[in-house]
Amino acid sequence: MKYLIVGLGNIGEEYQNTRHNIGFKILDALAGASNISFSDKRYGAVAEMKHAGRTFILLKPSTYMNLSGRAVHYWMQKEKIPVDKVLILVDDLALPLGKIRLRAKGSDAGHNGLKNINQVLGRQDYARLRFGIGDDFPKGYQIDHVLGKWSPEEEDVLPERIELCIDIIKAFGTIGVHRTMSQFNNK
């Protein structure tokens, strides 16, 4: 059984270690913990991980956030992965820093990456793991916050929360989205 795990982010050094790139950061941590590495492929950096008899295709799109749907669609088709086996890792302003919420489906909530995925796939019924980046910024400075680097205080919170995300990804592939939601959404 195959799963597509997509970490949203933007390529390029200027975006490394920004809040918007938490999807990339989670997949990098998962790959490091699994002793695998990414290779540059069509529409993104890809790694393959085995866990509990399942194959996880890890994808960091190279299309930039606003065109993430192209990469998701291509890799779903290439690997013949149905929508119920897709998980998108995404930053979320509406959640406090480090708060993690798994959803089986939902709206784009104003996130351009999810908006493009919805447009390209023509549906919203795919799982997404939302990682809270908080909304502690002055009115009108949303883009600066989202594309800003993590503060030292925020960086202290990340390792433990990223570990939790790794556990959630593995559970998604082994016990399904609904059981994973009830097990992890309040942690």
Protein backbone atom coordinates (compact mmCIF):
# COMPACT_ATOMS: atom_id res chain seq x y z
CA MET A 1 0.00 0.00 0.00
CA LYS A 2 1.35 3.43 -1.00
CA TYR A 3 0.85 6.82 0.61
CA LEU A 4 1.79 10.26 -0.68
CA ILE A 5 2.99 12.61 2.06
CA VAL A 6 3.44 16.16 0.76
CA GLY A 7 5.20 18.84 2.78
CA LEU A 8 4.32 22.27 1.45
CA GLY A 9 6.98 24.94 1.21
CA ASN A 10 8.98 27.10 -1.16
CA ILE A 11 12.30 26.17 -2.72
CA GLY A 12 15.32 28.42 -2.45
CA GLU A 13 17.68 29.51 0.27
CA GLU A 14 15.69 32.64 1.10
CA TYR A 15 12.78 30.43 2.22
CA GLN A 16 14.76 27.93 4.27
CA ASN A 17 13.78 27.84 7.92
CA THR A 18 10.72 30.06 7.41
CA ARG A 19 7.36 29.37 9.02
CA HIS A 20 5.78 28.77 5.60
CA ASN A 21 8.22 25.89 5.02
CA ILE A 22 7.21 23.79 8.02
CA GLY A 23 6.04 21.05 5.63
CA PHE A 24 9.56 20.75 4.21
CA LYS A 25 11.04 20.83 7.72
CA ILE A 26 8.81 17.97 8.92
CA LEU A 27 9.68 15.80 5.90
CA ASP A 28 13.40 16.54 6.32
CA ALA A 29 13.16 15.38 9.95
CA LEU A 30 11.24 12.24 8.93
CA ALA A 31 13.78 11.41 6.21
CA GLY A 32 16.66 11.97 8.64
CA ALA A 33 15.06 9.74 11.28
CA SER A 34 14.42 7.06 8.64
CA ASN A 35 17.93 7.21 7.15
CA ILE A 36 16.69 8.10 3.67
CA SER A 37 17.45 11.06 1.45
CA PHE A 38 15.63 13.11 -1.15
CA SER A 39 16.37 13.05 -4.88
CA ASP A 40 15.41 15.77 -7.31
CA LYS A 41 12.64 14.46 -9.55
CA ARG A 42 9.89 15.94 -11.65
CA TYR A 43 8.03 18.68 -9.72
CA GLY A 44 9.97 18.16 -6.50
CA ALA A 45 12.36 16.41 -4.17
CA VAL A 46 11.19 12.86 -3.51
CA ALA A 47 12.14 10.14 -1.04
CA GLU A 48 10.65 6.71 -0.43
CA MET A 49 10.22 5.32 3.06
CA LYS A 50 8.99 1.93 4.24
CA HIS A 51 7.09 1.59 7.50
CA ALA A 52 4.93 -1.27 8.80
CA GLY A 53 4.64 -2.84 5.35
CA ARG A 54 3.60 0.42 3.74
CA THR A 55 5.42 2.63 1.26
CA PHE A 56 5.44 6.35 1.91
CA ILE A 57 6.35 8.64 -0.99
CA LEU A 58 7.61 11.86 0.59
CA LEU A 59 7.33 14.92 -1.66
CA LYS A 60 8.66 18.44 -1.26
CA PRO A 61 7.22 20.25 -4.33
CA SER A 62 9.58 22.44 -6.36
CA THR A 63 6.66 24.32 -7.90
CA TYR A 64 6.54 27.00 -5.20
CA MET A 65 3.64 27.09 -2.76
CA ASN A 66 1.07 28.68 -5.08
CA LEU A 67 1.40 25.89 -7.67
CA SER A 68 1.63 22.90 -5.29
CA GLY A 69 -1.33 21.21 -6.96
CA ARG A 70 0.74 20.37 -10.06
CA ALA A 71 3.21 18.34 -8.03
CA VAL A 72 0.53 16.64 -5.93
CA HIS A 73 -1.49 15.66 -9.00
CA TYR A 74 1.55 14.42 -10.94
CA TRP A 75 2.80 12.18 -8.11
CA MET A 76 -0.68 10.84 -7.34
CA GLN A 77 -0.97 9.80 -11.00
CA LYS A 78 2.59 8.50 -11.34
CA GLU A 79 2.43 6.36 -8.20
CA LYS A 80 -1.29 5.50 -8.61
CA ILE A 81 -2.12 6.82 -5.15
CA PRO A 82 -5.81 7.50 -4.44
CA VAL A 83 -6.86 10.70 -2.69
CA ASP A 84 -7.61 8.89 0.59
CA LYS A 85 -3.92 7.94 0.82
CA VAL A 86 -2.68 11.54 0.45
CA LEU A 87 -1.60 13.71 3.39
CA ILE A 88 -0.63 17.37 2.98
CA LEU A 89 1.57 19.03 5.67
CA VAL A 90 0.83 22.74 5.89
CA ASP A 91 1.44 25.81 8.07
CA ASP A 92 -1.62 27.41 9.68
CA LEU A 93 -1.93 30.98 11.00
CA ALA A 94 -5.22 30.22 12.74
CA LEU A 95 -3.58 27.75 15.15
CA PRO A 96 -1.30 28.79 18.01
CA LEU A 97 2.40 28.01 17.63
CA GLY A 98 3.00 24.26 17.68
CA LYS A 99 -0.68 23.29 17.80
CA ILE A 100 -1.25 20.39 15.43
CA ARG A 101 -4.55 19.44 13.86
CA LEU A 102 -5.19 16.54 11.48
CA ARG A 103 -8.25 16.81 9.26
CA ALA A 104 -9.70 14.28 6.79
CA LYS A 105 -10.91 17.09 4.50
CA GLY A 106 -11.71 20.77 4.57
CA SER A 107 -11.44 24.17 2.97
CA ASP A 108 -8.22 25.91 2.02
CA ALA A 109 -8.72 28.41 4.92
CA GLY A 110 -7.03 31.07 2.77
CA HIS A 111 -3.82 29.04 2.30
CA ASN A 112 -2.56 29.46 -1.26
CA GLY A 113 -0.95 26.01 -1.41
CA LEU A 114 -4.18 24.27 -0.40
CA LYS A 115 -6.17 26.58 -2.70
CA ASN A 116 -4.09 25.44 -5.69
CA ILE A 117 -4.32 21.77 -4.70
CA ASN A 118 -8.11 22.11 -4.48
CA GLN A 119 -8.22 23.73 -7.93
CA VAL A 120 -5.99 21.15 -9.62
CA LEU A 121 -7.57 18.10 -7.98
CA GLY A 122 -11.09 19.53 -8.19
CA ARG A 123 -11.77 18.35 -4.65
CA GLN A 124 -11.07 19.07 -0.98
CA ASP A 125 -11.48 15.60 0.50
CA TYR A 126 -7.80 14.86 1.15
CA ALA A 127 -6.17 14.73 4.57
CA ARG A 128 -4.13 17.66 5.80
CA LEU A 129 -1.94 18.05 8.85
CA ARG A 130 -2.07 21.68 9.94
CA PHE A 131 0.89 22.97 11.98
CA GLY A 132 0.18 26.14 13.93
CA ILE A 133 2.54 29.04 13.33
CA GLY A 134 0.47 31.51 15.37
CA ASP A 135 -0.81 34.93 14.45
CA ASP A 136 1.43 37.08 16.62
CA PHE A 137 2.03 39.90 14.15
CA PRO A 138 0.72 43.43 13.59
CA LYS A 139 -2.22 43.90 11.24
CA GLY A 140 -1.04 44.01 7.63
CA TYR A 141 2.15 42.03 8.30
CA GLN A 142 0.84 38.53 7.63
CA ILE A 143 3.20 37.88 4.71
CA ASP A 144 6.22 39.01 6.76
CA HIS A 145 5.19 36.62 9.54
CA VAL A 146 4.52 33.64 7.27
CA LEU A 147 7.72 34.12 5.26
CA GLY A 148 9.73 35.12 8.33
CA LYS A 149 12.36 32.95 10.03
CA TRP A 150 11.53 31.14 13.27
CA SER A 151 12.47 33.10 16.37
CA PRO A 152 14.80 31.39 18.90
CA GLU A 153 11.81 30.91 21.26
CA GLU A 154 9.80 29.29 18.46
CA GLU A 155 12.75 27.08 17.50
CA ASP A 156 12.73 25.65 21.05
CA VAL A 157 9.17 24.38 20.50
CA LEU A 158 9.74 22.81 17.08
CA PRO A 159 11.68 19.56 17.74
CA GLU A 160 9.06 18.02 20.03
CA ARG A 161 6.16 19.13 17.80
CA ILE A 162 7.91 17.83 14.66
CA GLU A 163 8.42 14.47 16.42
CA LEU A 164 4.68 14.37 17.05
CA CYS A 165 4.04 15.09 13.35
CA ILE A 166 6.27 12.14 12.41
CA ASP A 167 4.22 9.88 14.69
CA ILE A 168 1.02 11.21 13.09
CA ILE A 169 2.31 10.55 9.56
CA LYS A 170 3.18 6.95 10.45
CA ALA A 171 -0.19 6.45 12.16
CA PHE A 172 -2.01 7.91 9.14
CA GLY A 173 -0.55 5.11 7.03
CA THR A 174 -1.14 2.33 9.54
CA ILE A 175 -4.42 3.06 11.38
CA GLY A 176 -6.10 5.54 9.01
CA VAL A 177 -7.00 9.20 9.24
CA HIS A 178 -9.98 8.97 11.61
CA ARG A 179 -8.29 6.84 14.27
CA THR A 180 -5.17 9.00 13.97
CA MET A 181 -7.29 12.14 14.47
CA SER A 182 -8.86 10.80 17.66
CA GLN A 183 -5.50 9.61 18.97
CA PHE A 184 -3.46 12.76 18.28
CA ASN A 185 -5.62 15.87 17.77
CA ASN A 186 -5.62 16.92 21.41
CA LYS A 187 -1.90 16.43 22.05
